[in-house]
Amino acid sequence: MDDLIKWLKDNRVTEVECITPDQTGIARGKIMPTNKFIAERGIRLPESVLLQTATGDYPDDEAYYSILDPADIDMILRPDPNAAFLVPWTLEPTAHVIHDCYDSVGNLIELSPRAVLKKVLGLYEAKGWKPIVAPEVEFYLTQRCTDPDLPLEPPIGRSGRKESGRQSFSIDAANEYDPIIEDVYDWCEAQGLDIDTLIHEEGTAQMEFNFRHGDALKLADQVFVFKRTVREAALKHNIGATFMAKPITGEPGSSMHIHQSLVDAKTGKNLFSNPDGSASKQFLNYIGGLQAYIPQLMPMFAPNMNSYRRYLPGADGNAPVNIEWGEENRTVGLRVPQASPESRRVENRLPGADTNPYLAMAANLACGYLGMVKDLKPRKPVTGRAGAEADPDVPFNLEAALEIMAECQEMRELLGPTFVDGFIATRWAEYEGFKRVISSWEREFLLSTV
C-alpha cells in the first residue's frame, strides 16, 4: 500500500475511482478524493452489487436471499496496488484502482469475478504451474446510438464517408479512424496496458487489438480497463464503441479469443512441449479438459442473450460452432497456432467480446486444469475444414447453457457454489428481462400475418 500511496502522490492524483468488476464486467464502486482514499485504504459496498445485471436489476427474491445475507450486508473492498492505472481522459489527475472484495473476517467474497480467477490460479500455483494467456479483443466503432430501436451504422471516417463492405486486414480502412485509434494507443500507453497489434477485422468498422502474453490476472485487469478506455476514446470523437457479441445484422460477431500456454513456475519452461519439441501429455490433457468442460461453462464464454447470435452455422456469424481442435486451423473452436515448441499454445475461439474477462480466463483455466488432473484425452485433431453443423455437445442458447452449468458438480466444487448460483441467477434475471421486450422482427413479420 505504501508504494501505491507514493505512486498517487508522485503523479499528483487528486481523485481515485475505487472500482471492482461485477458479474457482467461493469465497473462498480465509488469516487473519492485522494486524501480520503489514503486515509481509509478501502471502501465498503453492499454485497448485492455483485448480483446486479446489466440493466441494474436483481434475481428474484428466492434466489437473491438464498445467495446473500438477508440483511444486505456490506463487503470490504481493498485496493490491489498492482492494479492501479492513471485515467488519461479526465480533466483532473485521476486514477482508477481495482479492488478485491472481502467479508468481515478477511475472506475473499466468492461472488467476485476477480476472486473466482484468483481461486483458479491458486490451484495452478499449488501444482507449481503458471498459466500464460494472450487475449485478442474485437469491437465495432459506430455512429452514436441515441435510439436503441434503430440499427447501428458505421461512423464517418477521415475521408468523410462511411465504410462499406468487408475490409479484413485493410490498412487504409483502419487509418480511416486514426484520430480515435491514436487516442486509444496513447491512453493505453499512459495506463501501462500491454497492447500489441491492431488490425481491421472483417466487419464494417470492426477493429481488433491483441495483447502481449502474460499473467492471467494482470491481463484480465487490462482487458477490463481497455474496454473503458476504448469507449471513452470513442466518446471524445462523438462516436460509439461496442463490445456486444453481435451488434449488427449481417456483420460478423465480435470475439475475445484467448491464447493459453502453461509454464513451470520455477524454470519458465513451456510444459506443453516435450524436450524433443513434440506436444506433451499435459498439452493433450489440457485440450481434453477444454473439450470436456467448455459445454458446462458456456455462460462464462457467452453470458448474454445476444452472445449466441455469433454462433450461426454456415451463416455470417464467423464464430466456431464446435469444440474440435487442430493445428493452424481457424475452422475449429480450439486452434493450435503454428509456433516453436517454446511457444506452443492453444487458442479458444469461442468467447465473445462481451464476456467478463475475469470469468472467461477462469473458465478456460478451470477446464484445462481438470483435463490435466483427470488425465482427459482429446478428440482426434481436425486436419481439414471442420463441419458446419453445430456441435451437439455444446449448448448454443442461453437457457440450455444455464441449465447445463447448474448441473455440473465438478465446476460447482472448483469455482464455488455461491459463485455458480449467483452467476446463474443474474443470467436468468437478464433473460427474463429480455423476454419482456417485443423485438422489431416480431413486429415486422407477425404483426399482420398471424
Protein backbone atom coordinates (compact mmCIF):
# COMPACT_ATOMS: atom_id res chain seq x y z
CA MET A 1 0.00 0.00 0.00
CA ASP A 2 2.90 2.37 0.71
CA ASP A 3 4.08 2.01 -2.90
CA LEU A 4 0.58 2.82 -4.14
CA ILE A 5 0.39 5.93 -1.96
CA LYS A 6 3.78 7.07 -3.26
CA TRP A 7 2.64 6.46 -6.84
CA LEU A 8 -0.51 8.53 -6.29
CA LYS A 9 1.50 11.39 -4.82
CA ASP A 10 4.22 11.23 -7.50
CA ASN A 11 1.54 11.51 -10.19
CA ARG A 12 -0.27 14.30 -8.28
CA VAL A 13 -3.51 12.30 -8.41
CA THR A 14 -6.34 14.27 -6.82
CA GLU A 15 -9.17 11.78 -7.29
CA VAL A 16 -9.40 7.98 -7.14
CA GLU A 17 -12.02 5.77 -8.77
CA CYS A 18 -12.30 2.73 -6.48
CA ILE A 19 -13.71 0.01 -8.73
CA THR A 20 -14.41 -3.71 -8.86
CA PRO A 21 -15.94 -5.72 -11.72
CA ASP A 22 -19.41 -7.21 -11.26
CA GLN A 23 -20.68 -10.39 -12.93
CA THR A 24 -21.31 -8.58 -16.23
CA GLY A 25 -17.91 -6.85 -16.16
CA ILE A 26 -19.31 -3.42 -15.28
CA ALA A 27 -17.11 -1.27 -13.03
CA ARG A 28 -18.89 -0.73 -9.70
CA GLY A 29 -17.51 1.38 -6.86
CA LYS A 30 -17.02 4.89 -5.50
CA ILE A 31 -15.07 8.01 -6.44
CA MET A 32 -13.26 9.89 -3.70
CA PRO A 33 -10.52 12.49 -3.13
CA THR A 34 -7.05 11.00 -2.92
CA ASN A 35 -6.55 12.13 0.69
CA LYS A 36 -9.70 10.30 1.76
CA PHE A 37 -8.63 7.20 -0.21
CA ILE A 38 -5.25 7.18 1.55
CA ALA A 39 -6.83 7.65 4.97
CA GLU A 40 -9.46 4.94 4.57
CA ARG A 41 -7.43 2.45 2.48
CA GLY A 42 -10.56 0.81 1.19
CA ILE A 43 -14.29 1.25 0.80
CA ARG A 44 -17.49 -0.55 1.64
CA LEU A 45 -20.16 -1.58 -0.84
CA PRO A 46 -23.29 -3.70 -0.47
CA GLU A 47 -22.51 -7.29 -1.42
CA SER A 48 -25.62 -7.14 -3.58
CA VAL A 49 -23.84 -5.05 -6.25
CA LEU A 50 -22.21 -8.30 -7.38
CA LEU A 51 -25.67 -9.65 -8.24
CA GLN A 52 -26.73 -6.72 -10.42
CA THR A 53 -27.50 -7.37 -14.05
CA ALA A 54 -26.56 -5.13 -16.98
CA THR A 55 -29.95 -3.44 -16.58
CA GLY A 56 -29.44 -2.81 -12.87
CA ASP A 57 -31.99 -5.45 -11.91
CA TYR A 58 -31.52 -8.33 -9.49
CA PRO A 59 -32.52 -12.01 -9.36
CA ASP A 60 -35.89 -12.82 -7.84
CA ASP A 61 -36.20 -12.76 -4.06
CA GLU A 62 -35.86 -16.51 -3.63
CA ALA A 63 -32.52 -16.63 -5.44
CA TYR A 64 -31.39 -13.29 -4.01
CA TYR A 65 -31.87 -14.22 -0.35
CA SER A 66 -30.56 -17.76 -0.78
CA ILE A 67 -27.24 -16.34 -2.01
CA LEU A 68 -26.87 -13.15 0.05
CA ASP A 69 -27.25 -12.32 3.71
CA PRO A 70 -30.89 -11.20 4.25
CA ALA A 71 -29.55 -8.07 6.00
CA ASP A 72 -27.88 -6.95 2.74
CA ILE A 73 -24.53 -6.55 4.49
CA ASP A 74 -21.53 -4.60 3.26
CA MET A 75 -18.39 -6.12 1.87
CA ILE A 76 -14.98 -4.55 2.35
CA LEU A 77 -13.09 -3.52 -0.78
CA ARG A 78 -9.32 -3.29 -0.52
CA PRO A 79 -7.15 -1.82 -3.29
CA ASP A 80 -4.73 -4.01 -5.20
CA PRO A 81 -1.51 -1.95 -5.53
CA ASN A 82 -0.68 -3.91 -8.71
CA ALA A 83 -3.92 -2.87 -10.38
CA ALA A 84 -3.69 0.93 -10.31
CA PHE A 85 -3.97 2.90 -13.56
CA LEU A 86 -3.91 6.58 -14.42
CA VAL A 87 -7.08 7.85 -16.10
CA PRO A 88 -5.85 9.85 -19.12
CA TRP A 89 -9.22 11.20 -20.26
CA THR A 90 -10.23 13.16 -17.15
CA LEU A 91 -9.74 16.90 -16.57
CA GLU A 92 -8.26 16.42 -13.09
CA PRO A 93 -5.38 13.97 -12.40
CA THR A 94 -7.31 10.77 -11.64
CA ALA A 95 -6.53 7.10 -11.09
CA HIS A 96 -8.73 4.04 -11.19
CA VAL A 97 -7.69 1.35 -8.75
CA ILE A 98 -9.16 -2.13 -8.93
CA HIS A 99 -10.23 -3.54 -5.57
CA ASP A 100 -10.73 -7.04 -4.21
CA CYS A 101 -13.86 -7.82 -2.19
CA TYR A 102 -13.62 -9.32 1.32
CA ASP A 103 -16.01 -10.30 4.07
CA SER A 104 -15.72 -9.11 7.68
CA VAL A 105 -13.20 -11.82 8.62
CA GLY A 106 -10.90 -11.28 5.64
CA ASN A 107 -12.07 -13.95 3.19
CA LEU A 108 -12.45 -13.11 -0.49
CA ILE A 109 -16.09 -12.77 -1.49
CA GLU A 110 -16.90 -15.81 -3.61
CA LEU A 111 -19.26 -13.84 -5.88
CA SER A 112 -16.45 -11.56 -7.04
CA PRO A 113 -15.23 -12.41 -10.58
CA ARG A 114 -11.70 -11.39 -9.60
CA ALA A 115 -11.84 -13.77 -6.63
CA VAL A 116 -13.00 -16.59 -8.91
CA LEU A 117 -9.97 -16.13 -11.16
CA LYS A 118 -7.65 -15.92 -8.15
CA LYS A 119 -9.12 -19.17 -6.83
CA VAL A 120 -8.42 -21.00 -10.09
CA LEU A 121 -4.91 -19.54 -10.29
CA GLY A 122 -4.31 -20.82 -6.76
CA LEU A 123 -4.91 -24.37 -7.98
CA TYR A 124 -2.23 -23.91 -10.61
CA GLU A 125 0.17 -22.35 -8.10
CA ALA A 126 -0.22 -25.36 -5.80
CA LYS A 127 0.97 -27.59 -8.67
CA GLY A 128 3.94 -25.36 -9.49
CA TRP A 129 2.34 -24.30 -12.78
CA LYS A 130 1.89 -20.79 -14.19
CA PRO A 131 -0.65 -20.15 -16.96
CA ILE A 132 0.28 -17.65 -19.67
CA VAL A 133 -2.51 -16.02 -21.66
CA ALA A 134 -2.90 -13.56 -24.51
CA PRO A 135 -6.37 -12.16 -25.31
CA GLU A 136 -7.47 -10.71 -28.64
CA VAL A 137 -10.37 -8.27 -28.29
CA GLU A 138 -12.68 -7.19 -31.10
CA PHE A 139 -15.16 -4.31 -31.14
CA TYR A 140 -17.15 -2.11 -33.51
CA LEU A 141 -16.95 1.64 -33.97
CA THR A 142 -20.37 3.08 -34.75
CA GLN A 143 -22.29 6.28 -35.05
CA ARG A 144 -23.68 7.42 -31.71
CA CYS A 145 -26.77 5.38 -30.90
CA THR A 146 -29.49 7.54 -29.33
CA ASP A 147 -32.42 5.32 -30.31
CA PRO A 148 -31.95 1.61 -29.50
CA ASP A 149 -34.79 0.70 -31.89
CA LEU A 150 -32.67 1.77 -34.87
CA PRO A 151 -29.87 -0.38 -36.35
CA LEU A 152 -26.29 0.69 -35.74
CA GLU A 153 -24.44 2.42 -38.58
CA PRO A 154 -20.70 2.83 -39.20
CA PRO A 155 -19.19 6.21 -38.29
CA ILE A 156 -17.87 8.77 -40.73
CA GLY A 157 -14.13 8.27 -41.33
CA ARG A 158 -11.39 10.77 -42.20
CA SER A 159 -12.48 10.68 -45.84
CA GLY A 160 -15.91 11.99 -44.90
CA ARG A 161 -17.55 8.72 -45.93
CA LYS A 162 -19.00 5.74 -44.13
CA GLU A 163 -17.15 2.50 -44.56
CA SER A 164 -18.90 -0.13 -46.66
CA GLY A 165 -18.10 -3.72 -47.49
CA ARG A 166 -15.72 -6.16 -45.83
CA GLN A 167 -12.23 -4.77 -45.19
CA SER A 168 -10.30 -7.56 -43.45
CA PHE A 169 -6.73 -6.50 -42.59
CA SER A 170 -7.02 -3.33 -44.67
CA ILE A 171 -4.51 -0.72 -43.53
CA ASP A 172 -6.31 2.10 -45.32
CA ALA A 173 -9.62 1.12 -43.75
CA ALA A 174 -8.06 1.14 -40.29
CA ASN A 175 -6.43 4.51 -41.00
CA GLU A 176 -9.89 6.00 -41.60
CA TYR A 177 -10.20 6.06 -37.82
CA ASP A 178 -6.69 7.26 -36.99
CA PRO A 179 -7.78 10.01 -34.57
CA ILE A 180 -9.58 7.61 -32.25
CA ILE A 181 -7.01 4.83 -32.72
CA GLU A 182 -4.17 7.19 -31.79
CA ASP A 183 -6.02 8.18 -28.63
CA VAL A 184 -6.53 4.51 -27.76
CA TYR A 185 -2.81 3.82 -28.22
CA ASP A 186 -1.77 6.91 -26.27
CA TRP A 187 -4.17 6.24 -23.42
CA CYS A 188 -3.22 2.56 -23.24
CA GLU A 189 0.44 3.55 -23.05
CA ALA A 190 -0.32 6.05 -20.29
CA GLN A 191 -2.03 3.27 -18.32
CA GLY A 192 0.62 0.64 -18.97
CA LEU A 193 -1.68 -1.66 -20.94
CA ASP A 194 0.27 -4.27 -22.90
CA ILE A 195 -1.48 -3.91 -26.25
CA ASP A 196 0.43 -5.17 -29.24
CA THR A 197 -1.15 -5.43 -32.69
CA LEU A 198 -4.08 -3.56 -34.23
CA ILE A 199 -5.92 -4.99 -37.20
CA HIS A 200 -9.08 -4.07 -39.07
CA GLU A 201 -11.36 -7.07 -38.70
CA GLU A 202 -13.82 -8.34 -41.28
CA GLY A 203 -16.84 -6.33 -40.20
CA THR A 204 -17.59 -2.74 -41.20
CA ALA A 205 -15.58 -0.51 -38.83
CA GLN A 206 -14.69 -3.58 -36.74
CA MET A 207 -11.29 -3.48 -35.03
CA GLU A 208 -9.19 -5.94 -33.07
CA PHE A 209 -6.46 -5.24 -30.52
CA ASN A 210 -4.13 -8.05 -29.47
CA PHE A 211 -2.48 -8.07 -26.05
CA ARG A 212 1.02 -9.33 -25.30
CA HIS A 213 1.07 -12.65 -23.46
CA GLY A 214 1.44 -12.62 -19.70
CA ASP A 215 -0.10 -13.34 -16.31
CA ALA A 216 -3.84 -14.17 -16.41
CA LEU A 217 -4.92 -11.84 -13.59
CA LYS A 218 -2.86 -8.98 -14.98
CA LEU A 219 -4.33 -9.45 -18.47
CA ALA A 220 -7.89 -9.70 -17.16
CA ASP A 221 -7.35 -6.38 -15.34
CA GLN A 222 -6.01 -4.87 -18.54
CA VAL A 223 -8.92 -6.02 -20.71
CA PHE A 224 -11.32 -4.66 -18.07
CA VAL A 225 -9.59 -1.26 -18.24
CA PHE A 226 -9.16 -1.44 -22.03
CA LYS A 227 -12.90 -1.64 -22.62
CA ARG A 228 -13.44 1.53 -20.59
CA THR A 229 -10.59 3.19 -22.49
CA VAL A 230 -12.00 2.41 -25.95
CA ARG A 231 -15.46 3.65 -25.01
CA GLU A 232 -14.05 6.90 -23.63
CA ALA A 233 -11.90 7.46 -26.72
CA ALA A 234 -14.95 6.93 -28.92
CA LEU A 235 -16.99 9.40 -26.88
CA LYS A 236 -14.26 12.00 -27.24
CA HIS A 237 -14.75 11.80 -31.01
CA ASN A 238 -18.55 11.77 -30.77
CA ILE A 239 -18.90 8.18 -31.96
CA GLY A 240 -19.69 4.89 -30.21
CA ALA A 241 -17.74 1.74 -29.50
CA THR A 242 -19.42 -1.53 -28.62
CA PHE A 243 -18.16 -4.90 -27.40
CA MET A 244 -21.51 -6.59 -27.98
CA ALA A 245 -21.02 -10.06 -29.39
CA LYS A 246 -23.31 -9.43 -32.37
CA PRO A 247 -24.30 -5.77 -32.64
CA ILE A 248 -25.12 -5.54 -36.35
CA THR A 249 -27.31 -7.78 -38.50
CA GLY A 250 -25.40 -9.33 -41.38
CA GLU A 251 -21.98 -8.45 -39.97
CA PRO A 252 -19.55 -10.80 -38.18
CA GLY A 253 -19.69 -11.03 -34.42
CA SER A 254 -17.00 -9.74 -32.08
CA SER A 255 -14.91 -12.25 -30.15
CA MET A 256 -12.31 -12.37 -27.44
CA HIS A 257 -10.02 -15.20 -28.50
CA ILE A 258 -7.77 -16.34 -25.66
CA HIS A 259 -4.35 -17.94 -26.27
CA GLN A 260 -3.22 -20.17 -23.41
CA SER A 261 0.01 -21.93 -22.52
CA LEU A 262 1.49 -23.36 -19.34
CA VAL A 263 5.00 -22.95 -17.92
CA ASP A 264 6.86 -24.32 -14.94
CA ALA A 265 6.63 -21.62 -12.26
CA LYS A 266 10.31 -22.03 -11.31
CA THR A 267 12.06 -22.63 -14.63
CA GLY A 268 9.70 -20.89 -17.07
CA LYS A 269 9.80 -23.96 -19.33
CA ASN A 270 6.74 -24.48 -21.52
CA LEU A 271 5.05 -27.58 -20.12
CA PHE A 272 3.03 -28.05 -23.29
CA SER A 273 6.17 -29.28 -25.12
CA ASN A 274 8.41 -32.28 -24.53
CA PRO A 275 12.24 -31.94 -24.60
CA ASP A 276 12.22 -33.23 -28.21
CA GLY A 277 9.79 -30.48 -29.23
CA SER A 278 6.69 -32.66 -29.53
CA ALA A 279 3.39 -31.96 -27.83
CA SER A 280 3.38 -33.07 -24.20
CA LYS A 281 0.83 -35.22 -22.41
CA GLN A 282 -0.16 -32.17 -20.36
CA PHE A 283 -0.91 -30.27 -23.57
CA LEU A 284 -3.22 -33.00 -24.83
CA ASN A 285 -4.87 -33.34 -21.41
CA TYR A 286 -5.42 -29.57 -21.31
CA ILE A 287 -7.23 -29.68 -24.66
CA GLY A 288 -9.17 -32.71 -23.43
CA GLY A 289 -10.31 -30.65 -20.46
CA LEU A 290 -11.40 -27.77 -22.69
CA GLN A 291 -13.43 -30.15 -24.83
CA ALA A 292 -14.99 -31.86 -21.82
CA TYR A 293 -15.94 -28.78 -19.81
CA ILE A 294 -16.49 -25.88 -22.21
CA PRO A 295 -20.06 -27.16 -22.75
CA GLN A 296 -20.58 -26.97 -18.96
CA LEU A 297 -19.33 -23.37 -18.76
CA MET A 298 -20.72 -21.77 -21.92
CA PRO A 299 -22.45 -18.97 -19.95
CA MET A 300 -18.99 -17.78 -18.85
CA PHE A 301 -17.90 -17.57 -22.51
CA ALA A 302 -21.25 -16.37 -23.86
CA PRO A 303 -23.10 -14.69 -20.96
CA ASN A 304 -25.86 -12.71 -22.70
CA MET A 305 -28.81 -13.44 -24.97
CA ASN A 306 -27.00 -11.52 -27.71
CA SER A 307 -23.88 -13.67 -27.24
CA TYR A 308 -25.45 -16.64 -29.00
CA ARG A 309 -26.18 -14.68 -32.16
CA ARG A 310 -22.49 -15.15 -33.06
CA TYR A 311 -22.91 -18.89 -33.37
CA LEU A 312 -24.63 -19.24 -36.73
CA PRO A 313 -23.66 -22.44 -38.59
CA GLY A 314 -22.88 -21.70 -42.21
CA ALA A 315 -24.11 -18.10 -41.90
CA ASP A 316 -22.49 -14.75 -41.17
CA GLY A 317 -21.60 -15.44 -37.54
CA ASN A 318 -17.92 -16.13 -38.28
CA ALA A 319 -17.65 -17.88 -34.92
CA PRO A 320 -16.82 -21.57 -34.47
CA VAL A 321 -19.76 -23.80 -33.59
CA ASN A 322 -17.64 -26.70 -32.40
CA ILE A 323 -15.05 -27.65 -29.78
CA GLU A 324 -12.81 -29.57 -32.18
CA TRP A 325 -9.09 -28.84 -32.19
CA GLY A 326 -6.47 -28.71 -34.92
CA GLU A 327 -3.15 -27.18 -35.81
CA GLU A 328 -3.26 -23.92 -37.78
CA ASN A 329 -6.99 -24.40 -38.39
CA ARG A 330 -9.35 -21.46 -38.00
CA THR A 331 -12.50 -23.53 -38.54
CA VAL A 332 -12.17 -25.24 -35.16
CA GLY A 333 -13.08 -23.85 -31.76
CA LEU A 334 -9.68 -24.76 -30.31
CA ARG A 335 -6.91 -23.70 -32.67
CA VAL A 336 -3.26 -24.59 -32.12
CA PRO A 337 -1.23 -21.86 -33.89
CA GLN A 338 1.96 -22.85 -35.69
CA ALA A 339 4.75 -21.97 -33.27
CA SER A 340 8.07 -23.10 -31.83
CA PRO A 341 7.99 -25.68 -29.01
CA GLU A 342 8.75 -22.86 -26.55
CA SER A 343 5.61 -21.05 -27.68
CA ARG A 344 3.20 -23.99 -28.02
CA ARG A 345 -0.29 -22.85 -27.04
CA VAL A 346 -3.97 -23.34 -27.72
CA GLU A 347 -6.40 -20.60 -28.72
CA ASN A 348 -10.02 -20.77 -27.54
CA ARG A 349 -12.04 -19.04 -30.28
CA LEU A 350 -15.48 -19.40 -28.67
CA PRO A 351 -15.59 -16.49 -26.15
CA GLY A 352 -17.34 -13.32 -27.25
CA ALA A 353 -16.04 -9.79 -26.72
CA ASP A 354 -18.96 -9.26 -24.35
CA THR A 355 -17.71 -11.76 -21.79
CA ASN A 356 -16.33 -10.73 -18.41
CA PRO A 357 -12.53 -11.15 -18.91
CA TYR A 358 -12.00 -12.48 -15.37
CA LEU A 359 -14.63 -15.16 -15.81
CA ALA A 360 -13.53 -16.09 -19.33
CA MET A 361 -9.95 -16.56 -18.09
CA ALA A 362 -11.13 -18.51 -15.04
CA ALA A 363 -13.35 -20.78 -17.13
CA ASN A 364 -10.59 -21.56 -19.63
CA LEU A 365 -8.09 -22.37 -16.92
CA ALA A 366 -10.59 -24.38 -14.87
CA CYS A 367 -11.38 -26.57 -17.89
CA GLY A 368 -7.71 -27.12 -18.68
CA TYR A 369 -6.88 -27.81 -15.03
CA LEU A 370 -9.47 -30.57 -14.74
CA GLY A 371 -8.26 -32.02 -18.02
CA MET A 372 -4.74 -32.34 -16.65
CA VAL A 373 -5.57 -33.65 -13.18
CA LYS A 374 -8.17 -36.10 -14.54
CA ASP A 375 -5.96 -37.23 -17.45
CA LEU A 376 -8.62 -36.46 -20.06
CA LYS A 377 -7.88 -37.37 -23.67
CA PRO A 378 -8.83 -35.01 -26.50
CA ARG A 379 -10.67 -35.96 -29.65
CA LYS A 380 -8.62 -36.58 -32.76
CA PRO A 381 -7.45 -33.29 -34.31
CA VAL A 382 -9.26 -31.96 -37.36
CA THR A 383 -6.93 -31.61 -40.34
CA GLY A 384 -9.36 -30.19 -42.89
CA ARG A 385 -12.35 -27.94 -42.59
CA ALA A 386 -14.45 -28.58 -39.51
CA GLY A 387 -18.11 -29.40 -40.09
CA ALA A 388 -20.52 -26.51 -40.48
CA GLU A 389 -23.11 -28.08 -38.19
CA ALA A 390 -23.23 -27.06 -34.54
CA ASP A 391 -21.55 -29.46 -32.13
CA PRO A 392 -24.36 -31.38 -30.39
CA ASP A 393 -22.41 -31.38 -27.11
CA VAL A 394 -22.37 -27.58 -26.89
CA PRO A 395 -25.45 -25.58 -25.83
CA PHE A 396 -25.81 -22.71 -28.28
CA ASN A 397 -28.62 -20.92 -26.50
CA LEU A 398 -28.59 -19.28 -23.09
CA GLU A 399 -31.41 -21.28 -21.49
CA ALA A 400 -29.82 -24.66 -22.19
CA ALA A 401 -26.36 -23.36 -21.28
CA LEU A 402 -27.53 -22.18 -17.85
CA GLU A 403 -29.26 -25.47 -17.11
CA ILE A 404 -26.16 -27.46 -18.03
CA MET A 405 -23.87 -25.22 -15.97
CA ALA A 406 -26.13 -25.59 -12.92
CA GLU A 407 -25.83 -29.39 -13.11
CA CYS A 408 -22.01 -29.56 -13.33
CA GLN A 409 -20.95 -30.65 -9.84
CA GLU A 410 -17.23 -30.61 -10.63
CA MET A 411 -17.29 -26.94 -11.60
CA ARG A 412 -19.57 -26.13 -8.68
CA GLU A 413 -16.89 -27.52 -6.35
CA LEU A 414 -13.99 -25.92 -8.21
CA LEU A 415 -15.45 -22.42 -8.71
CA GLY A 416 -17.55 -22.38 -5.53
CA PRO A 417 -21.31 -22.96 -5.16
CA THR A 418 -22.05 -19.37 -4.15
CA PHE A 419 -20.45 -18.03 -7.32
CA VAL A 420 -22.12 -20.59 -9.59
CA ASP A 421 -25.57 -19.99 -8.08
CA GLY A 422 -25.11 -16.20 -8.11
CA PHE A 423 -23.81 -16.05 -11.66
CA ILE A 424 -26.59 -18.27 -12.99
CA ALA A 425 -29.16 -16.20 -11.10
CA THR A 426 -28.00 -12.94 -12.72
CA ARG A 427 -28.10 -14.54 -16.17
CA TRP A 428 -31.65 -15.81 -15.62
CA ALA A 429 -32.70 -12.35 -14.40
CA GLU A 430 -31.38 -10.75 -17.59
CA TYR A 431 -33.04 -13.43 -19.70
CA GLU A 432 -36.40 -12.80 -18.04
CA GLY A 433 -36.00 -9.08 -18.74
CA PHE A 434 -35.14 -9.80 -22.38
CA LYS A 435 -38.29 -11.90 -22.84
CA ARG A 436 -40.46 -8.94 -21.82
CA VAL A 437 -39.26 -6.86 -24.79
CA ILE A 438 -41.03 -7.22 -28.14
CA SER A 439 -38.49 -7.18 -30.99
CA SER A 440 -38.68 -5.43 -34.36
CA TRP A 441 -38.59 -8.87 -36.05
CA GLU A 442 -41.82 -9.82 -34.30
CA ARG A 443 -43.49 -6.59 -35.35
CA GLU A 444 -42.25 -6.89 -38.93
CA PHE A 445 -43.24 -10.49 -39.60
CA LEU A 446 -46.03 -11.30 -37.15
CA LEU A 447 -47.95 -8.07 -36.74
CA SER A 448 -50.21 -8.58 -39.76
CA THR A 449 -49.71 -12.23 -40.61
CA VAL A 450 -50.66 -14.41 -37.65
